[in-house]
All heavy atoms as atom14 arrays in JSON, in Angstrom:
{
  "sequence": "SKHINACKEYIYSHIKERITIEDLADVLGVSASYLSRLFKKEVGVS",
  "atom14_mask": [
    [1, 1, 1, 1, 1, 1, 0, 0, 0, 0, 0, 0, 0, 0],
    [1, 1, 1, 1, 1, 1, 1, 1, 1, 0, 0, 0, 0, 0],
    [1, 1, 1, 1, 1, 1, 1, 1, 1, 1, 0, 0, 0, 0],
    [1, 1, 1, 1, 1, 1, 1, 1, 0, 0, 0, 0, 0, 0],
    [1, 1, 1, 1, 1, 1, 1, 1, 0, 0, 0, 0, 0, 0],
    [1, 1, 1, 1, 1, 0, 0, 0, 0, 0, 0, 0, 0, 0],
    [1, 1, 1, 1, 1, 1, 0, 0, 0, 0, 0, 0, 0, 0],
    [1, 1, 1, 1, 1, 1, 1, 1, 1, 0, 0, 0, 0, 0],
    [1, 1, 1, 1, 1, 1, 1, 1, 1, 0, 0, 0, 0, 0],
    [1, 1, 1, 1, 1, 1, 1, 1, 1, 1, 1, 1, 0, 0],
    [1, 1, 1, 1, 1, 1, 1, 1, 0, 0, 0, 0, 0, 0],
    [1, 1, 1, 1, 1, 1, 1, 1, 1, 1, 1, 1, 0, 0],
    [1, 1, 1, 1, 1, 1, 0, 0, 0, 0, 0, 0, 0, 0],
    [1, 1, 1, 1, 1, 1, 1, 1, 1, 1, 0, 0, 0, 0],
    [1, 1, 1, 1, 1, 1, 1, 1, 0, 0, 0, 0, 0, 0],
    [1, 1, 1, 1, 1, 1, 1, 1, 1, 0, 0, 0, 0, 0],
    [1, 1, 1, 1, 1, 1, 1, 1, 1, 0, 0, 0, 0, 0],
    [1, 1, 1, 1, 1, 1, 1, 1, 1, 1, 1, 0, 0, 0],
    [1, 1, 1, 1, 1, 1, 1, 1, 0, 0, 0, 0, 0, 0],
    [1, 1, 1, 1, 1, 1, 1, 0, 0, 0, 0, 0, 0, 0],
    [1, 1, 1, 1, 1, 1, 1, 1, 0, 0, 0, 0, 0, 0],
    [1, 1, 1, 1, 1, 1, 1, 1, 1, 0, 0, 0, 0, 0],
    [1, 1, 1, 1, 1, 1, 1, 1, 0, 0, 0, 0, 0, 0],
    [1, 1, 1, 1, 1, 1, 1, 1, 0, 0, 0, 0, 0, 0],
    [1, 1, 1, 1, 1, 0, 0, 0, 0, 0, 0, 0, 0, 0],
    [1, 1, 1, 1, 1, 1, 1, 1, 0, 0, 0, 0, 0, 0],
    [1, 1, 1, 1, 1, 1, 1, 0, 0, 0, 0, 0, 0, 0],
    [1, 1, 1, 1, 1, 1, 1, 1, 0, 0, 0, 0, 0, 0],
    [1, 1, 1, 1, 0, 0, 0, 0, 0, 0, 0, 0, 0, 0],
    [1, 1, 1, 1, 1, 1, 1, 0, 0, 0, 0, 0, 0, 0],
    [1, 1, 1, 1, 1, 1, 0, 0, 0, 0, 0, 0, 0, 0],
    [1, 1, 1, 1, 1, 0, 0, 0, 0, 0, 0, 0, 0, 0],
    [1, 1, 1, 1, 1, 1, 0, 0, 0, 0, 0, 0, 0, 0],
    [1, 1, 1, 1, 1, 1, 1, 1, 1, 1, 1, 1, 0, 0],
    [1, 1, 1, 1, 1, 1, 1, 1, 0, 0, 0, 0, 0, 0],
    [1, 1, 1, 1, 1, 1, 0, 0, 0, 0, 0, 0, 0, 0],
    [1, 1, 1, 1, 1, 1, 1, 1, 1, 1, 1, 0, 0, 0],
    [1, 1, 1, 1, 1, 1, 1, 1, 0, 0, 0, 0, 0, 0],
    [1, 1, 1, 1, 1, 1, 1, 1, 1, 1, 1, 0, 0, 0],
    [1, 1, 1, 1, 1, 1, 1, 1, 1, 0, 0, 0, 0, 0],
    [1, 1, 1, 1, 1, 1, 1, 1, 1, 0, 0, 0, 0, 0],
    [1, 1, 1, 1, 1, 1, 1, 1, 1, 0, 0, 0, 0, 0],
    [1, 1, 1, 1, 1, 1, 1, 0, 0, 0, 0, 0, 0, 0],
    [1, 1, 1, 1, 0, 0, 0, 0, 0, 0, 0, 0, 0, 0],
    [1, 1, 1, 1, 1, 1, 1, 0, 0, 0, 0, 0, 0, 0],
    [1, 1, 1, 1, 1, 1, 0, 0, 0, 0, 0, 0, 0, 0]
  ],
  "atom14_positions": [
    [[62.27, -4.66, 170.88], [61.2, -5.57, 170.53], [61.77, -6.93, 170.13], [62.99, -7.11, 169.99], [60.4, -5.0, 169.35], [61.23, -4.94, 168.2], [0.0, 0.0, 0.0], [0.0, 0.0, 0.0], [0.0, 0.0, 0.0], [0.0, 0.0, 0.0], [0.0, 0.0, 0.0], [0.0, 0.0, 0.0], [0.0, 0.0, 0.0], [0.0, 0.0, 0.0]],
    [[60.88, -7.87, 169.91], [61.28, -9.23, 169.53], [62.06, -9.22, 168.21], [63.07, -9.91, 168.08], [60.04, -10.11, 169.41], [60.34, -11.56, 169.09], [59.06, -12.37, 169.04], [59.35, -13.83, 168.69], [58.1, -14.63, 168.64], [0.0, 0.0, 0.0], [0.0, 0.0, 0.0], [0.0, 0.0, 0.0], [0.0, 0.0, 0.0], [0.0, 0.0, 0.0]],
    [[61.61, -8.44, 167.24], [62.29, -8.38, 165.95], [63.72, -7.85, 166.09], [64.66, -8.39, 165.48], [61.52, -7.48, 164.98], [60.49, -8.23, 164.2], [59.36, -7.64, 163.69], [60.41, -9.53, 163.83], [58.64, -8.54, 163.05], [59.26, -9.69, 163.12], [0.0, 0.0, 0.0], [0.0, 0.0, 0.0], [0.0, 0.0, 0.0], [0.0, 0.0, 0.0]],
    [[63.88, -6.83, 166.89], [65.21, -6.22, 167.02], [66.14, -7.13, 167.81], [67.33, -7.25, 167.49], [65.12, -4.83, 167.68], [64.28, -3.9, 166.79], [66.51, -4.24, 167.9], [64.76, -3.8, 165.35], [0.0, 0.0, 0.0], [0.0, 0.0, 0.0], [0.0, 0.0, 0.0], [0.0, 0.0, 0.0], [0.0, 0.0, 0.0], [0.0, 0.0, 0.0]],
    [[65.63, -7.8, 168.83], [66.47, -8.76, 169.57], [66.92, -9.9, 168.66], [68.06, -10.35, 168.73], [65.71, -9.31, 170.78], [65.7, -8.34, 171.94], [66.62, -7.55, 172.11], [64.65, -8.37, 172.75], [0.0, 0.0, 0.0], [0.0, 0.0, 0.0], [0.0, 0.0, 0.0], [0.0, 0.0, 0.0], [0.0, 0.0, 0.0], [0.0, 0.0, 0.0]],
    [[66.0, -10.38, 167.81], [66.35, -11.43, 166.86], [67.39, -10.93, 165.87], [68.31, -11.66, 165.47], [65.1, -11.92, 166.13], [0.0, 0.0, 0.0], [0.0, 0.0, 0.0], [0.0, 0.0, 0.0], [0.0, 0.0, 0.0], [0.0, 0.0, 0.0], [0.0, 0.0, 0.0], [0.0, 0.0, 0.0], [0.0, 0.0, 0.0], [0.0, 0.0, 0.0]],
    [[67.25, -9.68, 165.49], [68.19, -9.04, 164.57], [69.59, -8.98, 165.2], [70.59, -9.32, 164.57], [67.68, -7.64, 164.24], [68.53, -6.83, 162.88], [0.0, 0.0, 0.0], [0.0, 0.0, 0.0], [0.0, 0.0, 0.0], [0.0, 0.0, 0.0], [0.0, 0.0, 0.0], [0.0, 0.0, 0.0], [0.0, 0.0, 0.0], [0.0, 0.0, 0.0]],
    [[69.65, -8.56, 166.44], [70.93, -8.47, 167.14], [71.57, -9.85, 167.3], [72.79, -10.0, 167.19], [70.73, -7.83, 168.52], [70.46, -6.33, 168.49], [70.33, -5.8, 169.91], [70.22, -4.28, 169.93], [70.12, -3.77, 171.32], [0.0, 0.0, 0.0], [0.0, 0.0, 0.0], [0.0, 0.0, 0.0], [0.0, 0.0, 0.0], [0.0, 0.0, 0.0]],
    [[70.73, -10.84, 167.56], [71.26, -12.2, 167.74], [71.86, -12.71, 166.44], [72.91, -13.35, 166.43], [70.16, -13.14, 168.23], [70.67, -14.51, 168.59], [69.75, -15.26, 169.53], [69.3, -14.67, 170.54], [69.46, -16.42, 169.25], [0.0, 0.0, 0.0], [0.0, 0.0, 0.0], [0.0, 0.0, 0.0], [0.0, 0.0, 0.0], [0.0, 0.0, 0.0]],
    [[71.2, -12.43, 165.33], [71.73, -12.85, 164.03], [73.07, -12.16, 163.76], [74.02, -12.79, 163.29], [70.73, -12.52, 162.92], [71.21, -12.96, 161.56], [70.89, -14.23, 161.07], [71.98, -12.11, 160.76], [71.34, -14.64, 159.82], [72.43, -12.52, 159.51], [72.11, -13.79, 159.05], [72.57, -14.2, 157.82], [0.0, 0.0, 0.0], [0.0, 0.0, 0.0]],
    [[73.13, -10.88, 164.06], [74.37, -10.13, 163.84], [75.5, -10.72, 164.67], [76.62, -10.9, 164.19], [74.17, -8.63, 164.16], [73.22, -7.99, 163.13], [75.5, -7.89, 164.2], [72.75, -6.6, 163.5], [0.0, 0.0, 0.0], [0.0, 0.0, 0.0], [0.0, 0.0, 0.0], [0.0, 0.0, 0.0], [0.0, 0.0, 0.0], [0.0, 0.0, 0.0]],
    [[75.21, -11.04, 165.92], [76.24, -11.63, 166.78], [76.74, -12.96, 166.2], [77.95, -13.22, 166.17], [75.7, -11.86, 168.19], [76.7, -12.52, 169.1], [77.64, -11.76, 169.78], [76.74, -13.91, 169.25], [78.6, -12.37, 170.59], [77.68, -14.52, 170.05], [78.6, -13.74, 170.72], [79.56, -14.34, 171.51], [0.0, 0.0, 0.0], [0.0, 0.0, 0.0]],
    [[75.79, -13.79, 165.75], [76.15, -15.12, 165.25], [76.91, -15.07, 163.93], [77.64, -16.01, 163.59], [74.88, -15.96, 165.06], [74.17, -16.08, 166.26], [0.0, 0.0, 0.0], [0.0, 0.0, 0.0], [0.0, 0.0, 0.0], [0.0, 0.0, 0.0], [0.0, 0.0, 0.0], [0.0, 0.0, 0.0], [0.0, 0.0, 0.0], [0.0, 0.0, 0.0]],
    [[76.74, -13.99, 163.15], [77.35, -13.9, 161.82], [78.28, -12.7, 161.7], [78.51, -12.2, 160.6], [76.25, -13.82, 160.76], [75.35, -15.02, 160.73], [74.31, -15.19, 161.61], [75.34, -16.1, 159.92], [73.69, -16.32, 161.35], [74.3, -16.9, 160.33], [0.0, 0.0, 0.0], [0.0, 0.0, 0.0], [0.0, 0.0, 0.0], [0.0, 0.0, 0.0]],
    [[78.84, -12.26, 162.84], [79.61, -11.02, 162.85], [80.85, -11.1, 161.95], [81.33, -10.08, 161.47], [80.02, -10.65, 164.3], [80.52, -9.19, 164.37], [81.07, -11.62, 164.84], [79.47, -8.17, 164.03], [0.0, 0.0, 0.0], [0.0, 0.0, 0.0], [0.0, 0.0, 0.0], [0.0, 0.0, 0.0], [0.0, 0.0, 0.0], [0.0, 0.0, 0.0]],
    [[81.35, -12.3, 161.69], [82.53, -12.44, 160.85], [82.19, -12.39, 159.36], [83.09, -12.38, 158.52], [83.26, -13.76, 161.17], [83.81, -13.81, 162.59], [84.39, -15.17, 162.89], [84.83, -15.25, 164.36], [85.32, -16.6, 164.71], [0.0, 0.0, 0.0], [0.0, 0.0, 0.0], [0.0, 0.0, 0.0], [0.0, 0.0, 0.0], [0.0, 0.0, 0.0]],
    [[80.9, -12.36, 159.06], [80.47, -12.33, 157.67], [80.09, -10.91, 157.25], [79.98, -10.02, 158.08], [79.27, -13.27, 157.48], [79.53, -14.7, 157.92], [78.25, -15.52, 157.97], [77.23, -15.09, 157.39], [78.27, -16.6, 158.61], [0.0, 0.0, 0.0], [0.0, 0.0, 0.0], [0.0, 0.0, 0.0], [0.0, 0.0, 0.0], [0.0, 0.0, 0.0]],
    [[79.87, -10.75, 155.96], [79.33, -9.48, 155.46], [77.81, -9.55, 155.6], [77.15, -10.43, 155.03], [79.72, -9.26, 154.0], [79.22, -7.93, 153.44], [79.72, -7.73, 152.02], [79.21, -6.46, 151.47], [78.04, -6.34, 150.85], [77.25, -7.4, 150.69], [77.65, -5.17, 150.38], [0.0, 0.0, 0.0], [0.0, 0.0, 0.0], [0.0, 0.0, 0.0]],
    [[77.24, -8.65, 156.4], [75.81, -8.67, 156.7], [75.15, -7.43, 156.11], [75.63, -6.31, 156.31], [75.55, -8.7, 158.21], [76.34, -9.83, 158.87], [74.07, -8.86, 158.52], [76.36, -9.76, 160.39], [0.0, 0.0, 0.0], [0.0, 0.0, 0.0], [0.0, 0.0, 0.0], [0.0, 0.0, 0.0], [0.0, 0.0, 0.0], [0.0, 0.0, 0.0]],
    [[74.06, -7.62, 155.43], [73.31, -6.48, 154.88], [71.92, -6.43, 155.5], [71.45, -7.41, 156.09], [73.16, -6.61, 153.35], [72.32, -7.74, 153.06], [74.53, -6.79, 152.69], [0.0, 0.0, 0.0], [0.0, 0.0, 0.0], [0.0, 0.0, 0.0], [0.0, 0.0, 0.0], [0.0, 0.0, 0.0], [0.0, 0.0, 0.0], [0.0, 0.0, 0.0]],
    [[71.27, -5.3, 155.36], [69.91, -5.15, 155.86], [68.97, -6.12, 155.16], [68.02, -6.64, 155.74], [69.41, -3.69, 155.68], [68.04, -3.49, 156.3], [69.43, -3.3, 154.22], [67.99, -3.62, 157.8], [0.0, 0.0, 0.0], [0.0, 0.0, 0.0], [0.0, 0.0, 0.0], [0.0, 0.0, 0.0], [0.0, 0.0, 0.0], [0.0, 0.0, 0.0]],
    [[69.27, -6.43, 153.89], [68.46, -7.4, 153.14], [68.59, -8.8, 153.73], [67.6, -9.54, 153.81], [68.87, -7.41, 151.66], [68.45, -6.18, 150.87], [69.31, -4.96, 151.17], [70.44, -5.13, 151.69], [68.84, -3.82, 150.89], [0.0, 0.0, 0.0], [0.0, 0.0, 0.0], [0.0, 0.0, 0.0], [0.0, 0.0, 0.0], [0.0, 0.0, 0.0]],
    [[69.82, -9.16, 154.16], [70.02, -10.46, 154.81], [69.16, -10.58, 156.05], [68.47, -11.59, 156.27], [71.49, -10.64, 155.21], [72.42, -10.69, 154.01], [71.98, -11.15, 152.94], [73.58, -10.27, 154.16], [0.0, 0.0, 0.0], [0.0, 0.0, 0.0], [0.0, 0.0, 0.0], [0.0, 0.0, 0.0], [0.0, 0.0, 0.0], [0.0, 0.0, 0.0]],
    [[69.19, -9.55, 156.87], [68.44, -9.55, 158.12], [66.93, -9.59, 157.86], [66.19, -10.31, 158.53], [68.8, -8.32, 158.95], [70.25, -8.25, 159.43], [70.55, -6.86, 159.97], [70.49, -9.3, 160.51], [0.0, 0.0, 0.0], [0.0, 0.0, 0.0], [0.0, 0.0, 0.0], [0.0, 0.0, 0.0], [0.0, 0.0, 0.0], [0.0, 0.0, 0.0]],
    [[66.49, -8.83, 156.89], [65.06, -8.78, 156.57], [64.58, -10.15, 156.09], [63.49, -10.6, 156.47], [64.8, -7.72, 155.5], [0.0, 0.0, 0.0], [0.0, 0.0, 0.0], [0.0, 0.0, 0.0], [0.0, 0.0, 0.0], [0.0, 0.0, 0.0], [0.0, 0.0, 0.0], [0.0, 0.0, 0.0], [0.0, 0.0, 0.0], [0.0, 0.0, 0.0]],
    [[65.39, -10.83, 155.29], [65.01, -12.16, 154.81], [64.89, -13.15, 155.96], [63.97, -13.97, 156.01], [66.06, -12.67, 153.8], [65.96, -11.97, 152.46], [64.92, -11.34, 152.2], [66.93, -12.05, 151.69], [0.0, 0.0, 0.0], [0.0, 0.0, 0.0], [0.0, 0.0, 0.0], [0.0, 0.0, 0.0], [0.0, 0.0, 0.0], [0.0, 0.0, 0.0]],
    [[65.83, -13.08, 156.89], [65.81, -14.0, 158.03], [64.57, -13.77, 158.89], [63.93, -14.72, 159.36], [67.08, -13.81, 158.89], [66.95, -14.56, 160.22], [68.31, -14.29, 158.13], [0.0, 0.0, 0.0], [0.0, 0.0, 0.0], [0.0, 0.0, 0.0], [0.0, 0.0, 0.0], [0.0, 0.0, 0.0], [0.0, 0.0, 0.0], [0.0, 0.0, 0.0]],
    [[64.19, -12.5, 159.08], [63.05, -12.17, 159.95], [61.72, -12.2, 159.21], [60.66, -12.15, 159.84], [63.26, -10.79, 160.56], [64.49, -10.64, 161.47], [64.59, -9.22, 161.99], [64.43, -11.61, 162.64], [0.0, 0.0, 0.0], [0.0, 0.0, 0.0], [0.0, 0.0, 0.0], [0.0, 0.0, 0.0], [0.0, 0.0, 0.0], [0.0, 0.0, 0.0]],
    [[61.78, -12.27, 157.89], [60.54, -12.31, 157.12], [59.81, -10.99, 157.08], [58.57, -10.95, 157.06], [0.0, 0.0, 0.0], [0.0, 0.0, 0.0], [0.0, 0.0, 0.0], [0.0, 0.0, 0.0], [0.0, 0.0, 0.0], [0.0, 0.0, 0.0], [0.0, 0.0, 0.0], [0.0, 0.0, 0.0], [0.0, 0.0, 0.0], [0.0, 0.0, 0.0]],
    [[60.57, -9.89, 157.07], [59.97, -8.55, 156.98], [60.65, -7.8, 155.85], [61.67, -8.25, 155.3], [60.11, -7.77, 158.3], [59.38, -8.49, 159.43], [61.59, -7.57, 158.66], [0.0, 0.0, 0.0], [0.0, 0.0, 0.0], [0.0, 0.0, 0.0], [0.0, 0.0, 0.0], [0.0, 0.0, 0.0], [0.0, 0.0, 0.0], [0.0, 0.0, 0.0]],
    [[60.13, -6.64, 155.51], [60.76, -5.84, 154.45], [61.98, -5.12, 154.99], [62.06, -4.79, 156.19], [59.77, -4.83, 153.88], [59.51, -3.8, 154.83], [0.0, 0.0, 0.0], [0.0, 0.0, 0.0], [0.0, 0.0, 0.0], [0.0, 0.0, 0.0], [0.0, 0.0, 0.0], [0.0, 0.0, 0.0], [0.0, 0.0, 0.0], [0.0, 0.0, 0.0]],
    [[62.93, -4.88, 154.12], [64.15, -4.19, 154.52], [63.87, -2.76, 155.0], [64.47, -2.3, 155.97], [65.14, -4.15, 153.35], [0.0, 0.0, 0.0], [0.0, 0.0, 0.0], [0.0, 0.0, 0.0], [0.0, 0.0, 0.0], [0.0, 0.0, 0.0], [0.0, 0.0, 0.0], [0.0, 0.0, 0.0], [0.0, 0.0, 0.0], [0.0, 0.0, 0.0]],
    [[62.93, -2.1, 154.35], [62.61, -0.72, 154.74], [61.97, -0.67, 156.13], [62.29, 0.21, 156.94], [61.68, -0.08, 153.71], [60.48, -0.83, 153.59], [0.0, 0.0, 0.0], [0.0, 0.0, 0.0], [0.0, 0.0, 0.0], [0.0, 0.0, 0.0], [0.0, 0.0, 0.0], [0.0, 0.0, 0.0], [0.0, 0.0, 0.0], [0.0, 0.0, 0.0]],
    [[61.08, -1.63, 156.39], [60.43, -1.69, 157.71], [61.47, -1.95, 158.8], [61.49, -1.27, 159.84], [59.37, -2.77, 157.74], [58.89, -3.13, 159.13], [57.98, -2.31, 159.8], [59.36, -4.27, 159.77], [57.55, -2.62, 161.09], [58.94, -4.59, 161.06], [58.04, -3.76, 161.71], [57.62, -4.07, 162.99], [0.0, 0.0, 0.0], [0.0, 0.0, 0.0]],
    [[62.34, -2.93, 158.57], [63.36, -3.28, 159.56], [64.31, -2.13, 159.79], [64.71, -1.86, 160.92], [64.12, -4.52, 159.11], [65.17, -5.05, 160.09], [64.53, -5.42, 161.43], [65.9, -6.25, 159.51], [0.0, 0.0, 0.0], [0.0, 0.0, 0.0], [0.0, 0.0, 0.0], [0.0, 0.0, 0.0], [0.0, 0.0, 0.0], [0.0, 0.0, 0.0]],
    [[64.66, -1.43, 158.73], [65.57, -0.3, 158.84], [64.98, 0.79, 159.72], [65.66, 1.33, 160.62], [65.88, 0.25, 157.45], [66.77, 1.35, 157.53], [0.0, 0.0, 0.0], [0.0, 0.0, 0.0], [0.0, 0.0, 0.0], [0.0, 0.0, 0.0], [0.0, 0.0, 0.0], [0.0, 0.0, 0.0], [0.0, 0.0, 0.0], [0.0, 0.0, 0.0]],
    [[63.7, 1.09, 159.51], [63.03, 2.13, 160.31], [62.9, 1.68, 161.76], [63.15, 2.47, 162.69], [61.65, 2.43, 159.74], [61.66, 3.17, 158.4], [60.28, 3.74, 158.08], [59.26, 2.69, 158.07], [58.93, 1.97, 157.01], [59.56, 2.17, 155.85], [57.98, 1.06, 157.08], [0.0, 0.0, 0.0], [0.0, 0.0, 0.0], [0.0, 0.0, 0.0]],
    [[62.5, 0.43, 161.97], [62.3, -0.08, 163.32], [63.61, -0.11, 164.1], [63.67, 0.28, 165.27], [61.71, -1.5, 163.27], [61.38, -2.15, 164.6], [60.27, -1.38, 165.32], [60.97, -3.61, 164.41], [0.0, 0.0, 0.0], [0.0, 0.0, 0.0], [0.0, 0.0, 0.0], [0.0, 0.0, 0.0], [0.0, 0.0, 0.0], [0.0, 0.0, 0.0]],
    [[64.68, -0.53, 163.44], [65.99, -0.61, 164.1], [66.46, 0.77, 164.52], [66.92, 0.96, 165.65], [67.0, -1.27, 163.16], [68.23, -1.77, 163.85], [68.34, -3.1, 164.24], [69.3, -0.92, 164.13], [69.47, -3.57, 164.88], [70.43, -1.37, 164.77], [70.53, -2.7, 165.16], [0.0, 0.0, 0.0], [0.0, 0.0, 0.0], [0.0, 0.0, 0.0]],
    [[66.36, 1.72, 163.62], [66.8, 3.08, 163.94], [65.97, 3.67, 165.07], [66.5, 4.35, 165.97], [66.66, 3.96, 162.68], [67.15, 5.39, 162.86], [68.64, 5.44, 163.12], [69.15, 6.87, 163.28], [69.08, 7.66, 162.05], [0.0, 0.0, 0.0], [0.0, 0.0, 0.0], [0.0, 0.0, 0.0], [0.0, 0.0, 0.0], [0.0, 0.0, 0.0]],
    [[64.67, 3.37, 165.09], [63.79, 3.89, 166.13], [64.14, 3.31, 167.5], [64.19, 4.04, 168.5], [62.34, 3.56, 165.78], [61.33, 4.0, 166.83], [59.92, 3.59, 166.44], [58.91, 3.96, 167.54], [57.53, 3.53, 167.18], [0.0, 0.0, 0.0], [0.0, 0.0, 0.0], [0.0, 0.0, 0.0], [0.0, 0.0, 0.0], [0.0, 0.0, 0.0]],
    [[64.39, 2.01, 167.57], [64.6, 1.35, 168.86], [66.04, 1.41, 169.34], [66.3, 1.53, 170.54], [64.14, -0.11, 168.78], [62.64, -0.27, 168.58], [62.16, -1.68, 168.85], [62.91, -2.45, 169.49], [61.05, -2.03, 168.41], [0.0, 0.0, 0.0], [0.0, 0.0, 0.0], [0.0, 0.0, 0.0], [0.0, 0.0, 0.0], [0.0, 0.0, 0.0]],
    [[66.98, 1.3, 168.43], [68.39, 1.23, 168.82], [69.06, 2.61, 168.78], [70.01, 2.88, 169.5], [69.15, 0.23, 167.93], [70.61, 0.09, 168.37], [68.47, -1.14, 167.98], [0.0, 0.0, 0.0], [0.0, 0.0, 0.0], [0.0, 0.0, 0.0], [0.0, 0.0, 0.0], [0.0, 0.0, 0.0], [0.0, 0.0, 0.0], [0.0, 0.0, 0.0]],
    [[68.52, 3.48, 167.92], [69.06, 4.83, 167.86], [70.12, 5.03, 166.81], [70.59, 6.16, 166.61], [0.0, 0.0, 0.0], [0.0, 0.0, 0.0], [0.0, 0.0, 0.0], [0.0, 0.0, 0.0], [0.0, 0.0, 0.0], [0.0, 0.0, 0.0], [0.0, 0.0, 0.0], [0.0, 0.0, 0.0], [0.0, 0.0, 0.0], [0.0, 0.0, 0.0]],
    [[70.54, 3.95, 166.17], [71.51, 4.04, 165.08], [71.03, 3.15, 163.95], [70.17, 2.29, 164.13], [72.93, 3.59, 165.52], [73.48, 4.52, 166.58], [72.91, 2.16, 166.02], [0.0, 0.0, 0.0], [0.0, 0.0, 0.0], [0.0, 0.0, 0.0], [0.0, 0.0, 0.0], [0.0, 0.0, 0.0], [0.0, 0.0, 0.0], [0.0, 0.0, 0.0]],
    [[71.6, 3.33, 162.78], [71.23, 2.49, 161.64], [71.79, 1.08, 161.81], [72.7, 0.84, 162.62], [71.77, 3.1, 160.34], [73.18, 3.05, 160.33], [0.0, 0.0, 0.0], [0.0, 0.0, 0.0], [0.0, 0.0, 0.0], [0.0, 0.0, 0.0], [0.0, 0.0, 0.0], [0.0, 0.0, 0.0], [0.0, 0.0, 0.0], [0.0, 0.0, 0.0]]
  ]
}
């Protein structure tokens, strides 16, 4: 989905940094729990 693609793009751009689920959730404007569930559902891993 759009959210997960945006999530992957952020990870690629900041791969040298320490990235947390909270960082990603803040960037996307969603809750960390929602993003965590969505990511696991679509990508198959946490």
